[in-house]
All heavy atoms as atom14 arrays in JSON, in Angstrom:
{
  "sequence": "HEGGDRSWLVVTRDTTTHEITAVEFARDVARKQ",
  "atom14_mask": [
    [1, 1, 1, 1, 1, 1, 1, 1, 1, 1, 0, 0, 0, 0],
    [1, 1, 1, 1, 1, 1, 1, 1, 1, 0, 0, 0, 0, 0],
    [1, 1, 1, 1, 0, 0, 0, 0, 0, 0, 0, 0, 0, 0],
    [1, 1, 1, 1, 0, 0, 0, 0, 0, 0, 0, 0, 0, 0],
    [1, 1, 1, 1, 1, 1, 1, 1, 0, 0, 0, 0, 0, 0],
    [1, 1, 1, 1, 1, 1, 1, 1, 1, 1, 1, 0, 0, 0],
    [1, 1, 1, 1, 1, 1, 0, 0, 0, 0, 0, 0, 0, 0],
    [1, 1, 1, 1, 1, 1, 1, 1, 1, 1, 1, 1, 1, 1],
    [1, 1, 1, 1, 1, 1, 1, 1, 0, 0, 0, 0, 0, 0],
    [1, 1, 1, 1, 1, 1, 1, 0, 0, 0, 0, 0, 0, 0],
    [1, 1, 1, 1, 1, 1, 1, 0, 0, 0, 0, 0, 0, 0],
    [1, 1, 1, 1, 1, 1, 1, 0, 0, 0, 0, 0, 0, 0],
    [1, 1, 1, 1, 1, 1, 1, 1, 1, 1, 1, 0, 0, 0],
    [1, 1, 1, 1, 1, 1, 1, 1, 0, 0, 0, 0, 0, 0],
    [1, 1, 1, 1, 1, 1, 1, 0, 0, 0, 0, 0, 0, 0],
    [1, 1, 1, 1, 1, 1, 1, 0, 0, 0, 0, 0, 0, 0],
    [1, 1, 1, 1, 1, 1, 1, 0, 0, 0, 0, 0, 0, 0],
    [1, 1, 1, 1, 1, 1, 1, 1, 1, 1, 0, 0, 0, 0],
    [1, 1, 1, 1, 1, 1, 1, 1, 1, 0, 0, 0, 0, 0],
    [1, 1, 1, 1, 1, 1, 1, 1, 0, 0, 0, 0, 0, 0],
    [1, 1, 1, 1, 1, 1, 1, 0, 0, 0, 0, 0, 0, 0],
    [1, 1, 1, 1, 1, 0, 0, 0, 0, 0, 0, 0, 0, 0],
    [1, 1, 1, 1, 1, 1, 1, 0, 0, 0, 0, 0, 0, 0],
    [1, 1, 1, 1, 1, 1, 1, 1, 1, 0, 0, 0, 0, 0],
    [1, 1, 1, 1, 1, 1, 1, 1, 1, 1, 1, 0, 0, 0],
    [1, 1, 1, 1, 1, 0, 0, 0, 0, 0, 0, 0, 0, 0],
    [1, 1, 1, 1, 1, 1, 1, 1, 1, 1, 1, 0, 0, 0],
    [1, 1, 1, 1, 1, 1, 1, 1, 0, 0, 0, 0, 0, 0],
    [1, 1, 1, 1, 1, 1, 1, 0, 0, 0, 0, 0, 0, 0],
    [1, 1, 1, 1, 1, 0, 0, 0, 0, 0, 0, 0, 0, 0],
    [1, 1, 1, 1, 1, 1, 1, 1, 1, 1, 1, 0, 0, 0],
    [1, 1, 1, 1, 1, 1, 1, 1, 1, 0, 0, 0, 0, 0],
    [1, 1, 1, 1, 1, 1, 1, 1, 1, 0, 0, 0, 0, 0]
  ],
  "atom14_positions": [
    [[-5.68, -3.17, -2.97], [-6.05, -4.14, -3.97], [-7.31, -4.68, -3.48], [-7.53, -5.82, -3.0], [-5.01, -5.22, -4.09], [-5.24, -6.13, -5.29], [-4.6, -7.25, -5.48], [-6.01, -5.86, -6.43], [-5.06, -7.84, -6.61], [-5.94, -7.01, -7.22], [0.0, 0.0, 0.0], [0.0, 0.0, 0.0], [0.0, 0.0, 0.0], [0.0, 0.0, 0.0]],
    [[-8.42, -3.92, -3.55], [-9.8, -4.31, -3.0], [-10.35, -5.46, -3.85], [-11.0, -6.38, -3.21], [-10.73, -3.11, -3.19], [-12.09, -3.43, -2.59], [-12.96, -2.13, -2.63], [-13.18, -1.59, -3.72], [-13.5, -1.77, -1.59], [0.0, 0.0, 0.0], [0.0, 0.0, 0.0], [0.0, 0.0, 0.0], [0.0, 0.0, 0.0], [0.0, 0.0, 0.0]],
    [[-10.1, -5.53, -5.1], [-10.68, -6.58, -5.92], [-9.82, -7.83, -6.06], [-10.04, -8.65, -7.0], [0.0, 0.0, 0.0], [0.0, 0.0, 0.0], [0.0, 0.0, 0.0], [0.0, 0.0, 0.0], [0.0, 0.0, 0.0], [0.0, 0.0, 0.0], [0.0, 0.0, 0.0], [0.0, 0.0, 0.0], [0.0, 0.0, 0.0], [0.0, 0.0, 0.0]],
    [[-8.86, -7.98, -5.1], [-7.95, -9.11, -5.15], [-7.52, -9.6, -3.82], [-8.5, -10.0, -3.05], [0.0, 0.0, 0.0], [0.0, 0.0, 0.0], [0.0, 0.0, 0.0], [0.0, 0.0, 0.0], [0.0, 0.0, 0.0], [0.0, 0.0, 0.0], [0.0, 0.0, 0.0], [0.0, 0.0, 0.0], [0.0, 0.0, 0.0], [0.0, 0.0, 0.0]],
    [[-6.24, -9.5, -3.53], [-5.74, -10.05, -2.24], [-5.85, -9.1, -1.09], [-5.33, -9.46, -0.02], [-4.27, -10.59, -2.45], [-3.39, -9.42, -2.69], [-3.81, -8.29, -3.03], [-2.14, -9.68, -2.52], [0.0, 0.0, 0.0], [0.0, 0.0, 0.0], [0.0, 0.0, 0.0], [0.0, 0.0, 0.0], [0.0, 0.0, 0.0], [0.0, 0.0, 0.0]],
    [[-6.42, -7.92, -1.3], [-6.59, -6.95, -0.22], [-5.31, -6.4, 0.27], [-5.27, -6.03, 1.45], [-7.58, -7.42, 0.8], [-8.94, -7.88, 0.16], [-10.01, -8.22, 1.09], [-10.44, -7.16, 1.95], [-11.26, -6.2, 1.59], [-11.67, -6.16, 0.35], [-11.63, -5.24, 2.4], [0.0, 0.0, 0.0], [0.0, 0.0, 0.0], [0.0, 0.0, 0.0]],
    [[-4.28, -6.39, -0.48], [-3.05, -5.86, -0.01], [-2.9, -4.34, -0.25], [-3.66, -3.79, -1.06], [-1.86, -6.53, -0.78], [-1.98, -6.3, -2.2], [0.0, 0.0, 0.0], [0.0, 0.0, 0.0], [0.0, 0.0, 0.0], [0.0, 0.0, 0.0], [0.0, 0.0, 0.0], [0.0, 0.0, 0.0], [0.0, 0.0, 0.0], [0.0, 0.0, 0.0]],
    [[-2.05, -3.73, 0.53], [-1.79, -2.23, 0.4], [-0.46, -2.17, -0.39], [0.52, -2.79, 0.01], [-1.61, -1.62, 1.74], [-2.86, -1.53, 2.6], [-3.53, -2.56, 3.25], [-3.69, -0.36, 2.76], [-4.61, -2.05, 3.81], [-4.82, -0.79, 3.53], [-3.59, 0.99, 2.28], [-5.86, 0.17, 3.9], [-4.6, 1.79, 2.58], [-5.67, 1.4, 3.38]],
    [[-0.41, -1.31, -1.34], [0.76, -1.15, -2.17], [1.2, 0.37, -2.19], [0.32, 1.28, -2.08], [0.51, -1.61, -3.57], [0.03, -2.95, -3.87], [-0.3, -3.19, -5.28], [0.99, -3.91, -3.35], [0.0, 0.0, 0.0], [0.0, 0.0, 0.0], [0.0, 0.0, 0.0], [0.0, 0.0, 0.0], [0.0, 0.0, 0.0], [0.0, 0.0, 0.0]],
    [[2.39, 0.55, -2.38], [2.93, 1.99, -2.7], [3.36, 1.86, -4.13], [4.32, 1.09, -4.49], [4.2, 2.3, -1.76], [4.75, 3.61, -2.16], [3.69, 2.42, -0.35], [0.0, 0.0, 0.0], [0.0, 0.0, 0.0], [0.0, 0.0, 0.0], [0.0, 0.0, 0.0], [0.0, 0.0, 0.0], [0.0, 0.0, 0.0], [0.0, 0.0, 0.0]],
    [[2.69, 2.69, -4.95], [3.0, 2.75, -6.35], [3.69, 4.01, -6.66], [3.12, 5.13, -6.35], [1.62, 2.6, -7.16], [1.8, 2.8, -8.67], [0.98, 1.28, -6.82], [0.0, 0.0, 0.0], [0.0, 0.0, 0.0], [0.0, 0.0, 0.0], [0.0, 0.0, 0.0], [0.0, 0.0, 0.0], [0.0, 0.0, 0.0], [0.0, 0.0, 0.0]],
    [[4.77, 4.0, -7.3], [5.5, 5.19, -7.82], [5.06, 5.39, -9.23], [5.27, 4.61, -10.11], [7.0, 5.05, -7.71], [7.38, 4.66, -6.41], [7.71, 6.32, -8.15], [0.0, 0.0, 0.0], [0.0, 0.0, 0.0], [0.0, 0.0, 0.0], [0.0, 0.0, 0.0], [0.0, 0.0, 0.0], [0.0, 0.0, 0.0], [0.0, 0.0, 0.0]],
    [[4.35, 6.59, -9.42], [3.67, 6.91, -10.74], [3.99, 8.31, -11.1], [3.92, 9.26, -10.31], [2.21, 6.65, -10.65], [1.39, 6.89, -11.87], [-0.13, 6.67, -11.63], [-0.68, 7.58, -10.66], [-1.24, 8.69, -11.05], [-1.3, 9.04, -12.42], [-1.8, 9.49, -10.21], [0.0, 0.0, 0.0], [0.0, 0.0, 0.0], [0.0, 0.0, 0.0]],
    [[4.24, 8.62, -12.36], [4.39, 9.88, -12.9], [2.97, 10.46, -13.16], [2.25, 9.94, -13.99], [5.24, 9.89, -14.16], [5.59, 11.32, -14.62], [4.65, 12.11, -14.71], [6.75, 11.46, -14.9], [0.0, 0.0, 0.0], [0.0, 0.0, 0.0], [0.0, 0.0, 0.0], [0.0, 0.0, 0.0], [0.0, 0.0, 0.0], [0.0, 0.0, 0.0]],
    [[2.66, 11.56, -12.53], [1.33, 12.11, -12.65], [1.02, 12.7, -14.04], [-0.17, 12.93, -14.46], [0.89, 13.17, -11.52], [1.87, 14.2, -11.61], [0.96, 12.47, -10.22], [0.0, 0.0, 0.0], [0.0, 0.0, 0.0], [0.0, 0.0, 0.0], [0.0, 0.0, 0.0], [0.0, 0.0, 0.0], [0.0, 0.0, 0.0], [0.0, 0.0, 0.0]],
    [[2.06, 12.99, -14.81], [1.86, 13.65, -16.15], [1.73, 12.56, -17.19], [1.07, 12.93, -18.16], [3.02, 14.6, -16.45], [4.21, 13.89, -16.38], [3.04, 15.71, -15.41], [0.0, 0.0, 0.0], [0.0, 0.0, 0.0], [0.0, 0.0, 0.0], [0.0, 0.0, 0.0], [0.0, 0.0, 0.0], [0.0, 0.0, 0.0], [0.0, 0.0, 0.0]],
    [[2.41, 11.45, -16.99], [2.22, 10.47, -18.07], [1.52, 9.12, -17.63], [1.26, 8.27, -18.45], [3.75, 9.97, -18.45], [4.33, 9.36, -17.36], [4.42, 11.16, -19.01], [0.0, 0.0, 0.0], [0.0, 0.0, 0.0], [0.0, 0.0, 0.0], [0.0, 0.0, 0.0], [0.0, 0.0, 0.0], [0.0, 0.0, 0.0], [0.0, 0.0, 0.0]],
    [[1.27, 8.97, -16.29], [0.7, 7.84, -15.67], [1.75, 6.57, -15.77], [1.24, 5.48, -15.45], [-0.63, 7.48, -16.23], [-1.63, 8.47, -15.96], [-2.03, 8.83, -14.77], [-2.3, 9.26, -16.82], [-2.9, 9.82, -14.75], [-3.13, 10.11, -16.11], [0.0, 0.0, 0.0], [0.0, 0.0, 0.0], [0.0, 0.0, 0.0], [0.0, 0.0, 0.0]],
    [[2.93, 6.77, -16.07], [3.88, 5.7, -16.18], [4.15, 5.24, -14.74], [4.54, 6.06, -13.81], [5.2, 6.21, -16.87], [6.26, 5.08, -16.85], [7.58, 5.56, -17.38], [7.76, 6.71, -17.5], [8.48, 4.63, -17.51], [0.0, 0.0, 0.0], [0.0, 0.0, 0.0], [0.0, 0.0, 0.0], [0.0, 0.0, 0.0], [0.0, 0.0, 0.0]],
    [[4.12, 3.91, -14.47], [4.47, 3.39, -13.15], [5.88, 2.84, -13.17], [6.19, 2.0, -14.07], [3.37, 2.24, -12.8], [2.07, 2.89, -12.65], [3.88, 1.49, -11.56], [0.91, 1.89, -12.47], [0.0, 0.0, 0.0], [0.0, 0.0, 0.0], [0.0, 0.0, 0.0], [0.0, 0.0, 0.0], [0.0, 0.0, 0.0], [0.0, 0.0, 0.0]],
    [[6.67, 3.28, -12.35], [8.08, 2.86, -12.28], [8.38, 1.93, -11.15], [9.45, 1.31, -11.2], [8.98, 4.15, -12.18], [8.66, 4.89, -11.02], [8.86, 5.03, -13.47], [0.0, 0.0, 0.0], [0.0, 0.0, 0.0], [0.0, 0.0, 0.0], [0.0, 0.0, 0.0], [0.0, 0.0, 0.0], [0.0, 0.0, 0.0], [0.0, 0.0, 0.0]],
    [[7.58, 1.79, -10.1], [7.8, 0.92, -9.06], [6.52, 0.56, -8.3], [5.54, 1.44, -8.27], [8.78, 1.42, -8.07], [0.0, 0.0, 0.0], [0.0, 0.0, 0.0], [0.0, 0.0, 0.0], [0.0, 0.0, 0.0], [0.0, 0.0, 0.0], [0.0, 0.0, 0.0], [0.0, 0.0, 0.0], [0.0, 0.0, 0.0], [0.0, 0.0, 0.0]],
    [[6.48, -0.65, -7.81], [5.27, -1.18, -7.0], [5.9, -1.87, -5.79], [6.65, -2.9, -6.06], [4.34, -1.98, -7.72], [3.08, -2.38, -6.91], [3.8, -1.2, -8.97], [0.0, 0.0, 0.0], [0.0, 0.0, 0.0], [0.0, 0.0, 0.0], [0.0, 0.0, 0.0], [0.0, 0.0, 0.0], [0.0, 0.0, 0.0], [0.0, 0.0, 0.0]],
    [[5.56, -1.54, -4.66], [6.0, -2.21, -3.45], [4.88, -2.47, -2.47], [3.94, -1.73, -2.51], [7.13, -1.43, -2.69], [8.32, -0.98, -3.59], [9.13, 0.0, -2.75], [9.91, -0.35, -1.92], [8.92, 1.27, -3.01], [0.0, 0.0, 0.0], [0.0, 0.0, 0.0], [0.0, 0.0, 0.0], [0.0, 0.0, 0.0], [0.0, 0.0, 0.0]],
    [[5.04, -3.53, -1.66], [4.04, -3.63, -0.57], [4.24, -2.48, 0.48], [5.4, -2.15, 0.8], [4.17, -4.99, 0.23], [3.76, -6.17, -0.59], [4.61, -7.13, -1.06], [2.34, -6.33, -0.8], [4.13, -8.17, -1.8], [1.86, -7.44, -1.49], [2.82, -8.36, -2.01], [0.0, 0.0, 0.0], [0.0, 0.0, 0.0], [0.0, 0.0, 0.0]],
    [[3.08, -1.93, 0.93], [3.26, -0.79, 1.85], [3.98, -1.26, 3.18], [4.56, -0.41, 3.79], [1.79, -0.25, 2.18], [0.0, 0.0, 0.0], [0.0, 0.0, 0.0], [0.0, 0.0, 0.0], [0.0, 0.0, 0.0], [0.0, 0.0, 0.0], [0.0, 0.0, 0.0], [0.0, 0.0, 0.0], [0.0, 0.0, 0.0], [0.0, 0.0, 0.0]],
    [[3.72, -2.44, 3.56], [4.39, -2.89, 4.87], [5.93, -2.87, 4.72], [6.61, -2.48, 5.64], [3.91, -4.36, 5.21], [4.31, -5.36, 4.27], [4.06, -6.76, 4.78], [4.6, -7.73, 3.89], [3.76, -8.44, 3.01], [2.45, -8.29, 2.96], [4.43, -9.32, 2.21], [0.0, 0.0, 0.0], [0.0, 0.0, 0.0], [0.0, 0.0, 0.0]],
    [[6.35, -3.3, 3.43], [7.9, -3.25, 3.27], [8.3, -1.8, 3.26], [9.45, -1.48, 3.8], [8.19, -3.85, 1.88], [7.84, -5.36, 1.9], [7.69, -5.92, 3.04], [7.69, -5.95, 0.83], [0.0, 0.0, 0.0], [0.0, 0.0, 0.0], [0.0, 0.0, 0.0], [0.0, 0.0, 0.0], [0.0, 0.0, 0.0], [0.0, 0.0, 0.0]],
    [[7.69, -0.82, 2.71], [8.02, 0.57, 2.69], [8.07, 1.08, 4.2], [9.03, 1.73, 4.56], [7.09, 1.39, 1.81], [7.38, 2.92, 1.99], [7.19, 0.99, 0.37], [0.0, 0.0, 0.0], [0.0, 0.0, 0.0], [0.0, 0.0, 0.0], [0.0, 0.0, 0.0], [0.0, 0.0, 0.0], [0.0, 0.0, 0.0], [0.0, 0.0, 0.0]],
    [[7.06, 0.73, 4.93], [6.99, 1.17, 6.27], [8.11, 0.61, 7.12], [8.71, 1.34, 7.94], [5.58, 0.74, 6.96], [0.0, 0.0, 0.0], [0.0, 0.0, 0.0], [0.0, 0.0, 0.0], [0.0, 0.0, 0.0], [0.0, 0.0, 0.0], [0.0, 0.0, 0.0], [0.0, 0.0, 0.0], [0.0, 0.0, 0.0], [0.0, 0.0, 0.0]],
    [[8.45, -0.63, 6.91], [9.54, -1.25, 7.6], [10.83, -0.67, 7.26], [11.74, -0.4, 8.15], [9.66, -2.78, 7.29], [8.57, -3.51, 8.03], [8.66, -5.04, 7.7], [7.59, -5.75, 8.4], [6.97, -6.79, 7.94], [7.3, -7.26, 6.74], [6.0, -7.39, 8.57], [0.0, 0.0, 0.0], [0.0, 0.0, 0.0], [0.0, 0.0, 0.0]],
    [[11.07, -0.22, 5.97], [12.32, 0.43, 5.6], [12.44, 1.82, 6.23], [13.48, 2.27, 6.52], [12.36, 0.63, 4.07], [12.57, -0.6, 3.3], [12.55, -0.22, 1.72], [12.41, -1.48, 0.93], [12.19, -1.15, -0.48], [0.0, 0.0, 0.0], [0.0, 0.0, 0.0], [0.0, 0.0, 0.0], [0.0, 0.0, 0.0], [0.0, 0.0, 0.0]],
    [[11.3, 2.4, 6.64], [11.35, 3.7, 7.21], [11.29, 3.54, 8.75], [11.24, 4.53, 9.48], [10.04, 4.51, 6.87], [10.02, 4.8, 5.34], [8.69, 5.49, 5.0], [7.78, 5.59, 5.76], [8.65, 5.91, 3.71], [0.0, 0.0, 0.0], [0.0, 0.0, 0.0], [0.0, 0.0, 0.0], [0.0, 0.0, 0.0], [0.0, 0.0, 0.0]]
  ]
}
């Protein structure tokens, strides 16, 4: 998020429709892993 709070996000997106089904902070995804 360069034009905002400079956060890193993991976005789950369908590449054929561009539908976004989930957005999470990357730090939370990394911690879960």
